[in-house]
Protein backbone atom coordinates (compact mmCIF):
# COMPACT_ATOMS: atom_id res chain seq x y z
CA MET A 1 -5.02 10.82 -14.72
CA ARG A 2 -1.73 12.52 -14.11
CA ARG A 3 -0.92 16.28 -13.42
CA VAL A 4 2.86 16.81 -14.72
CA SER A 5 5.37 19.81 -13.96
CA TYR A 6 9.48 20.33 -14.34
CA ILE A 7 11.86 22.46 -13.67
CA LYS A 8 15.64 22.41 -14.86
CA VAL A 9 18.06 22.35 -12.63
CA SER A 10 22.14 22.02 -12.62
CA ALA A 11 23.00 18.91 -10.93
CA PHE A 12 26.31 18.17 -9.60
CA ALA A 13 27.42 14.81 -7.98
CA CYS A 14 27.52 16.61 -4.58
CA GLY A 15 23.56 16.90 -5.14
CA ILE A 16 21.24 19.58 -6.01
CA LEU A 17 21.92 23.53 -6.01
CA GLY A 18 19.76 26.29 -6.55
CA LEU A 19 16.29 28.07 -6.36
CA ALA A 20 12.96 25.64 -7.19
CA GLY A 21 10.07 26.93 -9.26
CA PHE A 22 6.97 24.65 -9.66
CA ALA A 23 6.20 25.55 -13.10
CA GLY A 24 9.05 27.56 -15.11
CA ASP A 25 12.24 26.46 -17.22
CA GLN A 26 14.67 28.30 -15.34
CA LYS A 27 18.51 27.47 -15.75
CA LEU A 28 20.61 27.52 -12.28
CA SER A 29 24.05 27.42 -12.16
CA ALA A 30 26.22 26.85 -9.11
CA GLN A 31 29.83 26.30 -7.93
CA ALA A 32 31.26 22.69 -7.42
CA SER A 33 34.49 20.74 -7.63
CA ALA A 34 32.95 18.13 -10.17
CA SER A 35 34.72 18.53 -13.23
CA ALA A 36 31.45 18.13 -15.16
CA ALA A 37 28.04 19.06 -14.64
CA SER A 38 24.78 17.39 -16.37
CA GLN A 39 21.56 18.87 -17.17
CA PHE A 40 18.12 17.23 -15.79
CA GLU A 41 14.86 18.26 -14.55
CA ILE A 42 12.92 17.80 -11.72
CA GLY A 43 9.07 17.18 -12.10
CA SER A 44 6.01 16.45 -10.11
CA PHE A 45 3.30 14.21 -11.19
CA ARG A 46 0.08 13.49 -9.48
CA HIS A 47 -1.52 10.13 -9.62
CA GLU A 48 -5.51 9.12 -9.07
CA THR A 49 -7.26 6.67 -7.98
CA HIS A 50 -10.45 6.39 -9.04
CA ALA A 51 -13.99 4.50 -7.44
CA ASP A 52 -15.27 1.41 -9.49
CA LEU A 53 -18.98 3.59 -10.52
CA GLN A 54 -20.74 4.20 -13.71
CA ASN A 55 -22.16 7.09 -12.21
CA PRO A 56 -19.55 9.20 -9.89
CA SER A 57 -22.32 10.51 -8.59
CA GLU A 58 -23.41 7.34 -6.89
CA LEU A 59 -20.41 7.66 -5.01
CA PRO A 60 -21.59 8.24 -1.21
CA ASN A 61 -19.88 11.25 0.73
CA THR A 62 -19.32 11.16 4.00
CA ASN A 63 -21.54 13.60 5.67
CA GLU A 64 -24.37 10.53 4.50
CA PHE A 65 -22.75 8.65 7.60
CA PRO A 66 -22.48 10.02 11.39
CA LEU A 67 -19.00 10.75 12.56
CA GLN A 68 -17.16 8.40 14.83
CA SER A 69 -13.83 7.08 16.02
CA GLU A 70 -12.71 3.76 14.85
CA VAL A 71 -11.06 1.03 17.24
CA SER A 72 -7.80 -0.20 15.44
CA SER A 73 -5.45 -2.55 16.54
CA LEU A 74 -2.27 -1.63 17.36
CA PRO A 75 0.28 -1.51 14.48
CA PRO A 76 4.15 -3.10 14.96
CA PRO A 77 6.93 -0.61 15.49
CA THR A 78 8.48 0.00 12.36
CA ARG A 79 12.31 1.16 12.02
CA SER A 80 11.50 4.62 12.92
CA THR A 81 7.99 4.97 14.29
CA PHE A 82 5.99 3.23 16.72
CA MET A 83 2.10 3.93 18.09
CA ALA A 84 1.92 5.24 21.21
CA THR A 85 -1.68 4.75 22.80
CA TRP A 86 -3.37 5.27 26.32
CA PRO A 87 -7.09 4.59 27.86
CA SER A 88 -9.07 7.44 28.14
CA VAL A 89 -9.65 9.32 31.33
CA THR A 90 -12.61 10.42 32.81
CA GLY A 91 -13.23 14.17 32.30
CA ALA A 92 -9.96 14.76 30.26
CA THR A 93 -10.14 16.88 27.11
CA GLY A 94 -6.52 16.87 26.10
CA TYR A 95 -3.46 15.04 26.51
CA LEU A 96 0.50 16.21 27.09
CA LEU A 97 2.74 13.36 25.31
CA ASP A 98 6.29 12.67 26.72
CA VAL A 99 8.48 10.09 24.41
CA SER A 100 12.41 9.59 26.11
CA THR A 101 15.27 7.05 25.62
CA SER A 102 15.15 7.48 29.32
CA SER A 103 13.16 5.69 31.94
CA SER A 104 13.49 8.61 34.00
CA PHE A 105 12.77 10.98 31.23
CA ASP A 106 15.58 13.42 31.94
CA SER A 107 15.41 14.00 28.11
CA PHE A 108 13.15 13.86 25.31
CA VAL A 109 13.38 12.68 21.95
CA ASP A 110 13.11 16.37 19.61
CA GLY A 111 9.36 17.13 19.44
CA TYR A 112 7.57 14.96 22.00
CA HIS A 113 8.28 16.96 25.47
CA ASP A 114 4.47 17.51 26.65
CA LEU A 115 3.14 17.26 22.83
CA ASP A 116 -0.40 18.46 23.03
CA VAL A 117 -2.31 15.76 21.02
CA GLY A 118 -5.62 16.87 21.99
CA ASP A 119 -8.00 14.51 23.22
CA ALA A 120 -7.13 11.46 20.86
CA THR A 121 -5.61 8.35 23.07
CA GLY A 122 -3.18 7.32 20.46
CA ARG A 123 -0.32 9.01 18.35
CA VAL A 124 2.38 7.34 16.11
CA VAL A 125 5.76 8.73 16.97
CA THR A 126 7.95 9.48 14.45
CA GLY A 127 11.48 10.35 13.25
CA LEU A 128 13.46 7.54 15.03
CA THR A 129 16.04 5.29 15.27
CA ARG A 130 15.71 1.58 14.51
CA GLY A 131 17.04 -0.95 17.29
CA THR A 132 16.31 1.77 20.20
CA THR A 133 14.05 1.38 23.48
CA TYR A 134 12.16 4.49 23.63
CA TYR A 135 9.44 5.20 26.73
CA TYR A 136 6.13 7.23 26.41
CA ARG A 137 3.95 8.52 28.92
CA VAL A 138 0.89 11.11 29.03
CA HIS A 139 -0.98 13.32 31.31
CA ALA A 140 -4.57 14.18 31.20
CA TYR A 141 -5.99 17.84 31.50
CA GLY A 142 -9.51 19.03 31.57
CA ALA A 143 -11.32 22.00 30.43
CA ALA A 144 -13.04 23.68 33.85
CA THR A 145 -9.87 24.05 35.33
CA ASN A 146 -6.87 22.94 32.96
CA VAL A 147 -4.93 20.92 35.90
CA LEU A 148 -3.01 18.41 34.69
CA VAL A 149 -3.99 14.75 35.88
CA GLY A 150 -1.11 12.53 37.02
CA TYR A 151 1.10 10.38 34.58
CA SER A 152 0.34 7.34 33.22
CA GLU A 153 2.09 4.63 33.77
CA THR A 154 5.61 4.32 31.76
CA THR A 155 5.57 2.24 28.74
CA ALA A 156 8.74 1.02 26.74
CA ILE A 157 8.76 0.37 23.34
CA THR A 158 11.53 -0.67 20.82
CA THR A 159 11.68 0.18 16.98
CA GLN A 160 12.62 -2.87 14.58
CA PRO A 161 16.28 -3.28 14.48
CA THR A 162 16.43 -4.49 10.97
CA THR A 163 18.04 -2.94 8.08
CA GLY A 164 16.07 -1.90 4.75
CA VAL A 165 13.67 0.55 3.57
CA THR A 166 12.78 2.83 6.02
CA ILE A 167 9.11 4.86 4.90
CA HIS A 168 9.36 7.77 7.51
CA PRO A 169 5.58 9.09 7.64
CA THR A 170 4.91 13.23 8.17
CA PHE A 171 0.92 13.64 9.59
CA ASP A 172 -0.69 16.52 7.90
CA SER A 173 -2.91 18.33 10.08
CA SER A 174 -5.97 17.19 8.40
CA ILE A 175 -4.75 13.91 10.25
CA THR A 176 -3.66 14.45 13.73
CA GLY A 177 -6.70 17.38 14.04
CA ASN A 178 -9.13 14.25 13.14
CA PRO A 179 -11.27 12.96 15.32
CA ASN A 180 -10.53 9.42 13.85
CA ALA A 181 -6.83 10.94 14.07
CA ALA A 182 -5.30 7.47 16.29
CA ALA A 183 -7.08 4.87 13.68
CA ILE A 184 -5.92 6.76 10.35
CA GLN A 185 -2.55 7.05 11.79
CA ALA A 186 -2.26 3.11 12.84
CA MET A 187 -3.31 2.50 9.70
CA ILE A 188 -0.89 4.08 8.01
CA ASN A 189 1.76 2.55 10.21
CA ARG A 190 0.49 -0.99 9.45
CA ALA A 191 1.09 -0.43 5.60
CA ILE A 192 4.45 1.21 6.38
CA ALA A 193 5.52 -1.66 8.72
CA ILE A 194 4.63 -4.56 4.78
CA TYR A 195 6.91 -2.27 3.25
CA GLU A 196 9.36 -2.24 5.62
CA SER A 197 9.49 -6.08 6.27
CA LEU A 198 9.11 -6.51 2.26
CA PHE A 199 12.54 -4.70 0.91
CA SER A 200 15.79 -4.49 2.22
CA ASP A 201 17.39 -1.54 0.39
CA PRO A 202 18.97 1.00 2.93
CA ILE A 203 16.97 4.20 1.84
CA THR A 204 15.15 6.42 3.78
CA ILE A 205 11.61 7.18 2.30
CA GLN A 206 9.64 10.44 3.07
CA ILE A 207 6.16 10.60 2.82
CA ARG A 208 3.73 12.72 3.65
CA PHE A 209 0.16 11.84 4.43
CA ARG A 210 -2.91 13.57 4.76
CA TYR A 211 -6.87 13.34 4.81
CA ALA A 212 -8.58 15.88 3.03
CA SER A 213 -10.98 16.97 -0.06
CA THR A 214 -8.04 19.17 -1.86
CA GLY A 215 -5.22 18.50 -2.97
CA PRO A 216 -1.69 19.72 -0.93
CA ASP A 217 -1.86 22.91 -3.59
CA GLY A 218 -5.52 23.41 -2.53
CA SER A 219 -6.94 22.31 -5.59
CA PRO A 220 -10.60 20.07 -4.88
CA ILE A 221 -9.83 16.57 -5.41
CA PRO A 222 -12.19 15.47 -8.50
CA GLN A 223 -15.79 13.83 -8.03
CA GLY A 224 -15.31 10.13 -8.05
CA VAL A 225 -11.37 9.90 -7.20
CA VAL A 226 -10.75 8.13 -4.25
CA SER A 227 -7.08 8.78 -3.07
CA GLN A 228 -4.16 10.43 -5.09
CA SER A 229 -1.24 10.95 -4.65
CA ASP A 230 1.71 13.74 -5.50
CA PHE A 231 5.36 12.79 -6.24
CA VAL A 232 9.14 13.82 -7.52
CA VAL A 233 10.15 12.49 -10.25
CA TYR A 234 13.84 12.84 -12.42
CA THR A 235 13.14 13.06 -15.64
CA GLY A 236 16.67 13.75 -17.21
CA ILE A 237 18.36 10.50 -16.33
CA SER A 238 19.66 9.10 -19.73
CA TRP A 239 18.66 5.45 -20.90
CA ASN A 240 22.25 3.85 -20.39
CA THR A 241 22.33 5.61 -17.05
CA TYR A 242 19.12 4.43 -15.70
CA ILE A 243 19.60 0.83 -16.91
CA GLY A 244 23.00 0.71 -16.25
CA ALA A 245 22.29 1.53 -12.31
CA LEU A 246 19.22 -0.86 -12.53
CA ARG A 247 21.38 -4.32 -13.59
CA ALA A 248 24.07 -3.43 -11.34
CA ASP A 249 21.38 -3.53 -8.45
CA ALA A 250 20.11 -6.71 -9.14
CA ARG A 251 19.30 -8.96 -6.29
CA THR A 252 17.07 -11.20 -6.27
CA ASN A 253 15.94 -14.17 -8.66
CA ASN A 254 13.17 -11.48 -10.16
CA ASP A 255 15.72 -8.91 -10.55
CA ASN A 256 17.95 -11.54 -13.14
CA THR A 257 14.73 -12.90 -15.09
CA ALA A 258 13.70 -9.18 -15.65
CA ASN A 259 16.93 -7.89 -16.74
CA ALA A 260 17.64 -10.59 -19.04
CA SER A 261 14.08 -9.47 -21.13
CA LEU A 262 15.58 -5.63 -21.08
CA PRO A 263 16.53 -4.32 -24.94
CA GLY A 264 19.42 -4.09 -26.08
CA SER A 265 18.93 -0.37 -27.83
CA PRO A 266 17.29 2.42 -25.79
CA LEU A 267 13.24 2.68 -25.84
CA SER A 268 13.72 5.87 -25.63
CA PRO A 269 15.98 8.89 -24.70
CA ASN A 270 15.67 8.70 -20.98
CA ILE A 271 14.64 6.88 -18.05
CA ARG A 272 11.99 8.44 -15.68
CA PRO A 273 12.22 7.41 -12.04
CA GLY A 274 10.54 8.62 -8.95
CA SER A 275 13.06 9.96 -6.34
CA ALA A 276 12.87 7.37 -4.38
CA ASN A 277 12.82 4.64 -6.30
CA GLY A 278 16.19 6.31 -8.38
CA ARG A 279 17.88 5.65 -4.77
CA ALA A 280 16.73 2.79 -4.41
CA ILE A 281 19.29 1.48 -7.16
CA GLY A 282 22.25 4.19 -6.27
CA LEU A 283 21.20 7.32 -7.77
CA ASN A 284 21.44 10.69 -6.64
CA THR A 285 17.65 11.74 -6.54
CA PRO A 286 17.03 13.13 -3.20
CA PRO A 287 13.94 14.37 -2.24
CA ALA A 288 12.13 17.96 -3.61
CA MET A 289 8.83 17.89 -3.21
CA PHE A 290 7.54 20.45 -0.45
CA ALA A 291 3.98 20.50 1.70
CA ASN A 292 2.61 22.61 -0.81
CA GLY A 293 3.29 19.94 -3.84
CA MET A 294 5.79 22.37 -5.60
CA VAL A 295 9.09 20.98 -6.00
CA GLY A 296 12.87 21.97 -5.65
CA PRO A 297 16.20 21.64 -4.08
CA GLY A 298 15.51 21.46 -0.42
CA GLY A 299 11.72 20.11 -0.98
CA PRO A 300 11.83 17.38 2.11
CA TYR A 301 9.34 14.94 1.01
CA ASP A 302 9.36 12.29 -1.70
CA GLY A 303 5.78 12.39 -2.36
CA ILE A 304 2.41 13.54 -0.60
CA VAL A 305 -0.32 11.02 0.00
CA THR A 306 -3.73 12.47 -0.06
CA LEU A 307 -7.12 9.96 1.22
CA ASN A 308 -10.30 12.32 -0.10
CA SER A 309 -11.95 12.77 3.25
CA ALA A 310 -15.08 13.62 1.58
CA ARG A 311 -15.38 9.45 0.49
CA PRO A 312 -16.21 6.85 3.13
CA PHE A 313 -13.43 4.91 4.40
CA GLN A 314 -12.61 2.39 7.29
CA PHE A 315 -9.40 2.51 8.41
CA SER A 316 -9.77 -0.94 10.74
CA ARG A 317 -10.39 -4.09 9.08
CA PRO A 318 -12.91 -5.92 8.28
CA VAL A 319 -13.80 -3.19 6.17
CA ASN A 320 -17.51 -2.49 5.81
CA ALA A 321 -19.72 -3.29 2.50
CA ASN A 322 -20.32 0.86 2.52
CA SER A 323 -16.71 1.64 2.77
CA PHE A 324 -13.73 1.98 1.05
CA ASP A 325 -10.82 0.56 2.84
CA GLY A 326 -8.09 2.89 4.18
CA GLN A 327 -5.13 0.68 4.02
CA ARG A 328 -5.50 -0.48 0.41
CA MET A 329 -5.78 2.56 -1.11
CA ALA A 330 -2.85 4.24 1.11
CA GLU A 331 -0.67 1.18 -0.42
CA HIS A 332 -1.86 2.15 -3.77
CA GLU A 333 -0.68 6.12 -3.29
CA ILE A 334 2.47 5.02 -1.40
CA ASP A 335 3.44 2.63 -4.76
CA GLU A 336 3.39 5.58 -7.03
CA VAL A 337 5.27 7.72 -4.54
CA ILE A 338 7.90 5.32 -4.74
CA GLY A 339 8.31 4.30 -8.13
CA LEU A 340 5.15 2.55 -10.16
CA GLY A 341 3.85 4.45 -13.07
CA SER A 342 3.79 4.13 -16.83
CA ARG A 343 4.45 7.02 -18.78
CA LEU A 344 1.02 7.33 -20.90
CA GLY A 345 -1.19 10.22 -20.08
CA GLN A 346 1.88 12.27 -19.41
CA ASN A 347 2.55 13.76 -22.90
CA SER A 348 6.30 12.47 -22.69
CA ASN A 349 7.96 9.44 -25.15
CA ASP A 350 10.22 9.00 -22.16
CA LEU A 351 9.39 5.85 -20.32
CA ARG A 352 8.79 5.31 -16.91
CA PRO A 353 10.81 2.47 -15.26
CA GLN A 354 7.73 0.11 -15.13
CA ASP A 355 7.43 0.53 -18.78
CA LEU A 356 10.32 -1.14 -19.23
CA PHE A 357 7.73 -4.48 -18.39
CA SER A 358 4.82 -3.95 -20.51
CA TRP A 359 3.91 -6.52 -22.89
CA SER A 360 1.17 -8.01 -25.34
CA SER A 361 2.20 -11.17 -26.16
CA ALA A 362 5.75 -13.33 -25.77
CA GLY A 363 8.43 -11.27 -27.40
CA HIS A 364 5.90 -8.49 -28.08
CA ARG A 365 6.32 -5.26 -25.96
CA ASN A 366 3.43 -2.58 -25.56
CA ILE A 367 4.09 0.49 -24.41
CA THR A 368 0.68 2.09 -25.71
CA SER A 369 -2.63 2.53 -25.05
CA SER A 370 -4.05 0.70 -27.60
CA GLY A 371 -4.66 -2.99 -27.10
CA THR A 372 -3.79 -5.58 -25.00
CA ARG A 373 -0.95 -4.64 -22.47
CA TYR A 374 -0.04 -6.83 -19.27
CA PHE A 375 3.16 -6.64 -16.29
CA SER A 376 5.30 -9.84 -17.49
CA ILE A 377 9.25 -9.99 -16.15
CA ASN A 378 10.05 -12.99 -18.71
CA GLY A 379 9.78 -11.14 -21.93
CA GLY A 380 5.61 -11.63 -22.28
CA VAL A 381 5.81 -15.23 -21.40
CA THR A 382 3.92 -14.87 -18.23
CA ASN A 383 1.09 -12.68 -17.89
CA ILE A 384 1.44 -11.44 -14.04
CA VAL A 385 -1.56 -8.84 -14.42
CA GLY A 386 -3.09 -6.90 -16.78
CA PHE A 387 -2.80 -2.91 -17.14
CA ASN A 388 -5.27 -0.66 -17.61
CA GLN A 389 -6.35 0.59 -20.45
CA ASP A 390 -8.91 2.71 -19.69
CA HIS A 391 -8.53 6.57 -20.20
CA THR A 392 -10.55 7.46 -17.50
CA GLY A 393 -8.40 5.24 -15.00
CA ASP A 394 -4.04 5.53 -14.76
CA PHE A 395 -2.37 3.63 -17.17
CA GLY A 396 0.30 2.53 -15.08
CA ASP A 397 -2.48 1.19 -12.56
CA TRP A 398 -3.93 -2.63 -13.02
CA LEU A 399 -6.73 -3.80 -15.29
CA SER A 400 -9.61 -3.64 -12.88
CA ALA A 401 -13.09 -6.01 -13.04
CA PRO A 402 -16.16 -4.94 -11.85
CA CYS A 403 -17.43 -4.93 -8.38
CA PRO A 404 -16.60 -7.03 -6.46
CA GLN A 405 -13.32 -7.59 -7.92
CA ALA A 406 -12.01 -11.45 -7.62
CA HIS A 407 -8.41 -10.09 -7.35
CA PRO A 408 -8.87 -6.65 -5.40
CA TYR A 409 -5.06 -5.61 -5.73
CA PRO A 410 -4.32 -2.23 -3.85
CA GLN A 411 -3.01 -1.01 -7.44
CA ASN A 412 -6.24 -1.75 -9.48
CA ALA A 413 -7.29 1.60 -11.16
CA PHE A 414 -10.70 1.22 -10.15
CA SER A 415 -11.05 0.39 -6.69
CA CYS A 416 -14.28 -1.13 -4.95
CA MET A 417 -15.94 -0.61 -1.95
CA GLY A 418 -15.47 -3.44 0.85
CA GLN A 419 -12.79 -5.16 -0.28
CA SER A 420 -9.57 -5.54 0.95
CA ALA A 421 -5.67 -6.66 -0.01
CA ASP A 422 -2.63 -5.39 0.78
CA ILE A 423 1.25 -5.80 -1.49
CA ALA A 424 2.60 -8.77 -0.40
CA ALA A 425 6.21 -10.39 -1.93
CA THR A 426 4.35 -12.15 -4.62
CA SER A 427 1.67 -9.38 -5.82
CA PRO A 428 1.98 -8.05 -8.74
CA GLU A 429 3.33 -4.50 -6.81
CA GLY A 430 5.74 -6.74 -5.04
CA ILE A 431 7.02 -7.62 -8.14
CA ASN A 432 7.17 -4.92 -10.16
CA LEU A 433 8.27 -2.47 -7.34
CA ASP A 434 11.32 -5.48 -7.24
CA VAL A 435 12.16 -5.88 -10.55
CA ILE A 436 12.67 -1.85 -10.89
CA GLY A 437 15.23 -1.43 -8.34
CA TYR A 438 13.58 -2.74 -4.74
CA ASP A 439 15.09 -5.24 -3.09
CA LEU A 440 12.74 -8.12 -1.85
CA THR A 441 14.21 -9.42 1.09
CA GLN A 442 15.02 -13.23 0.98
CA THR A 443 12.37 -14.04 3.43
CA SER A 444 9.81 -12.05 1.80
CA GLN A 445 10.64 -13.86 -1.38
CA ALA A 446 9.75 -17.10 0.02
CA SER A 447 5.98 -15.94 1.24
CA LEU A 448 2.51 -15.38 0.37
CA GLY A 449 0.86 -11.91 2.01
CA ASN A 450 -2.08 -12.95 3.89
CA ILE A 451 -5.18 -11.97 1.79
CA SER A 452 -8.49 -10.80 2.68
CA THR A 453 -12.07 -9.60 0.78
CA ARG A 454 -15.56 -9.17 2.59
CA SER A 455 -18.77 -8.58 0.13
CA PHE A 456 -22.68 -9.09 0.67
CA VAL A 457 -22.96 -12.64 -0.85
CA GLN A 458 -25.92 -13.52 -3.47
CA THR A 459 -27.02 -15.73 -5.32
CA GLY A 460 -26.06 -17.11 -8.91
CA GLU A 461 -23.59 -14.87 -10.70
CA HIS A 462 -23.27 -12.64 -7.67
CA VAL A 463 -21.80 -14.80 -5.37
CA MET A 464 -18.59 -13.93 -3.95
CA ILE A 465 -14.96 -14.29 -5.83
CA GLY A 466 -11.50 -13.71 -4.19
CA GLY A 467 -8.55 -14.40 -5.93
CA PHE A 468 -4.87 -15.02 -5.34
CA ILE A 469 -1.56 -16.17 -7.04
CA ILE A 470 1.08 -18.81 -5.60
CA GLN A 471 4.55 -17.93 -7.54
CA GLY A 472 7.58 -19.08 -7.00
CA SER A 473 9.26 -22.71 -7.93
CA GLY A 474 7.69 -24.96 -5.77
CA PRO A 475 4.19 -25.50 -4.08
CA LYS A 476 2.93 -23.60 -1.15
CA ARG A 477 0.98 -24.89 1.83
CA VAL A 478 -2.17 -22.35 2.59
CA ILE A 479 -5.66 -22.30 4.39
CA ILE A 480 -8.48 -20.90 2.97
CA ARG A 481 -11.57 -19.57 5.00
CA ALA A 482 -14.62 -18.59 4.77
CA ILE A 483 -16.25 -16.65 7.52
CA GLY A 484 -19.88 -15.33 8.18
CA PRO A 485 -21.02 -15.82 11.65
CA GLU A 486 -17.74 -14.59 13.46
CA LEU A 487 -18.55 -11.24 11.38
CA THR A 488 -21.04 -10.52 13.75
CA GLN A 489 -18.41 -9.80 16.81
CA PHE A 490 -17.22 -7.04 15.01
CA GLY A 491 -20.90 -5.29 14.78
CA ILE A 492 -21.69 -6.45 11.14
CA PRO A 493 -25.10 -7.07 10.05
CA ASP A 494 -27.17 -9.51 8.10
CA ALA A 495 -23.85 -12.11 8.13
CA LEU A 496 -24.01 -15.03 6.36
CA SER A 497 -25.27 -17.85 8.23
CA ASN A 498 -23.70 -21.19 6.35
CA PRO A 499 -20.94 -20.06 4.03
CA ARG A 500 -19.61 -23.10 1.62
CA LEU A 501 -16.20 -22.50 0.01
CA GLU A 502 -14.79 -23.82 -3.57
CA LEU A 503 -11.41 -23.75 -4.71
CA HIS A 504 -10.66 -23.57 -8.69
CA ASN A 505 -7.91 -23.61 -10.59
CA VAL A 506 -6.40 -20.86 -13.05
CA ASN A 507 -8.50 -22.67 -15.88
CA GLY A 508 -11.89 -22.45 -13.61
CA ALA A 509 -11.96 -26.29 -12.81
CA LEU A 510 -13.49 -27.31 -8.99
CA PHE A 511 -11.11 -29.15 -7.14
CA GLY A 512 -11.60 -28.48 -3.75
CA THR A 513 -15.22 -27.45 -1.75
CA ASN A 514 -15.85 -27.48 2.04
CA ASP A 515 -18.97 -26.77 3.50
CA ASP A 516 -18.44 -26.75 7.51
CA TRP A 517 -14.64 -26.95 8.51
CA GLN A 518 -15.41 -29.78 11.19
CA ASN A 519 -16.57 -32.14 7.88
CA THR A 520 -14.02 -32.76 5.25
CA ILE A 521 -15.27 -33.20 2.06
CA ILE A 522 -12.55 -35.85 0.23
CA GLY A 523 -11.54 -34.75 -3.39
CA GLY A 524 -9.64 -32.95 -5.97
CA VAL A 525 -6.96 -31.46 -3.93
CA ILE A 526 -8.31 -32.89 -0.57
CA THR A 527 -6.70 -36.22 -0.29
CA GLY A 528 -7.87 -36.97 3.78
CA ASN A 529 -9.36 -35.63 6.75
CA GLN A 530 -8.38 -31.84 7.26
CA VAL A 531 -9.61 -31.48 10.84
CA SER A 532 -6.61 -31.75 12.99
CA ASP A 533 -4.71 -29.87 10.34
CA ILE A 534 -7.22 -27.02 10.60
CA GLN A 535 -7.28 -27.16 14.22
CA ASN A 536 -3.29 -26.79 14.42
CA SER A 537 -2.81 -24.45 11.64
CA GLY A 538 -3.87 -21.40 14.08
CA HIS A 539 -6.61 -20.51 11.85
CA ALA A 540 -9.50 -22.44 12.64
CA PRO A 541 -13.02 -20.71 12.88
CA THR A 542 -14.59 -19.97 15.33
CA ALA A 543 -18.08 -20.89 14.36
CA ALA A 544 -19.18 -24.75 13.06
CA SER A 545 -20.79 -23.82 10.44
CA GLU A 546 -18.02 -21.44 8.29
CA SER A 547 -15.84 -23.50 5.99
CA ALA A 548 -12.10 -24.09 5.60
CA ILE A 549 -9.72 -25.94 3.34
CA ILE A 550 -6.01 -26.58 3.49
CA ALA A 551 -4.30 -27.25 0.28
CA ASP A 552 -0.49 -27.67 -1.24
CA LEU A 553 -0.65 -25.72 -4.27
CA GLN A 554 1.89 -25.08 -7.16
CA PRO A 555 2.55 -22.13 -8.56
CA GLY A 556 -0.22 -20.36 -10.39
CA ASN A 557 -3.59 -18.71 -10.69
CA TYR A 558 -6.30 -19.56 -8.14
CA THR A 559 -9.85 -18.79 -7.00
CA ALA A 560 -11.99 -18.95 -3.79
CA ILE A 561 -15.76 -18.37 -4.47
CA VAL A 562 -18.05 -18.66 -1.22
CA ARG A 563 -21.69 -19.27 -1.40
CA GLY A 564 -24.42 -19.40 0.93
CA VAL A 565 -25.67 -23.20 1.55
CA ASN A 566 -28.98 -23.41 0.02
CA ASN A 567 -28.76 -20.42 -1.78
CA THR A 568 -28.92 -18.04 1.64
CA THR A 569 -27.32 -14.48 1.24
CA GLY A 570 -25.59 -12.41 3.62
CA VAL A 571 -22.26 -10.53 4.44
CA ALA A 572 -19.33 -13.37 4.45
CA LEU A 573 -15.19 -12.87 4.08
CA VAL A 574 -13.04 -14.59 2.36
CA GLU A 575 -9.12 -15.03 3.53
CA VAL A 576 -6.10 -17.04 2.54
CA TYR A 577 -3.01 -17.46 4.95
CA ASP A 578 0.43 -19.00 4.10
CA LEU A 579 1.05 -21.72 6.48
CA ASN A 580 4.71 -22.00 5.53
């Protein structure tokens, strides 16, 4: 569901000038040397991601679970951030953080000299320069004497040197003041690192992140909503202006294919890109959102992402069966901020960029909420993923199966607890962002994102099903794993003791199976002993009773099914790794 607001602004080539208003229709003017001005509107949309439950009251509240800090793996540095971590000091009630570009700390990064981070043992440092080495240290203090303990050891870390999309996060106090602050920030930085590795556009995207039960404007998040995003859209950009910029921005094979399917005449008078999406294709669409969700000139954010703190989240992986994957939900809302979404449900006939690639069959577009609608970049010939047509969810999200989902994409309209997935170059999210104006890097276009799904494996029709897509022009070598006993070391109870793995093609035909990875079962896609290849892949299961298959797969849809040997039940994890 979406909330829509607009203001009119008088804009010149040099930027947006004037005074903001959240929900008015005030026309503003300004002096400029430009020969002519063009009228357009700045708007704000709100997107909501719902839980896949028949009854929203079934959704557990966080007060049903004990509050505890998670131990999270260290995320990689991004182009503008890194995660500083340090060991806890006995008796300390807080830590002061210093960050500098000098190992002697004779100067400090703005805002990072004796920064009080509370009792957290980690903090994401933001607003940095790419390819730069930074040094950080902390000193602890205690409540009784307030005397500082000596400095920790100095740690050096270098931000990513590559060029491309830079996502600059700002963490709201609802995150920095949370007992789980370090794990939440680490999760967000892991998600950001994925986007920055995928897209080469030389733009900076400003996103504010929150963990709260209310929106930025203080309104309660509705029952059944797991996460939401508020973001800027530019609503007066003409069809010809947007389409001309999109065509000129073509950099990838996906772009060339998708642009060939664009219509010869306008489908709507205007196109409504998000502010970040507009900049990705060279338009003058700066950030315009303030911390309270209002929009107007001078607003520093492209959007605001809020994870609903009233719902059970886990910020590390593997995620347990009673929690939503924080990273999956963060990626969903990041997708919304940077450009995904449909006009449907927004009371406007002007299309969003995503609507340009909405089809019902080969050669037949569908940009209505009736009938079948799916995402395709070749004129409807290939159905990449279905669009949601359930009015209780968002029409710009993917069609979602009941939980557990065979394809738990981040962009599914209804999300399941206990399932994880990330955006990738070959996922529907990555392809859609590519064709609306972002540019997949050459490296990312040739890769399959590593994916995993965890759930409770039962019997009969209630086994675990994990779906994945191979795209491109040639085969890809992957390893598929079914993991059970290994999960016990992560404190997960009731792990499936002996998982059996099946691989099915798009037609549902079984063409590969394994029960115990050290015993190869020849047949279908498996033509020889795989034990040595599995060992050398770097992804050999840790338990002999766990299963694995290595396969060279042609582009297409595939399904991995995990069953318990002898109808046993328990929690299992199915994973797919790209060996290329």
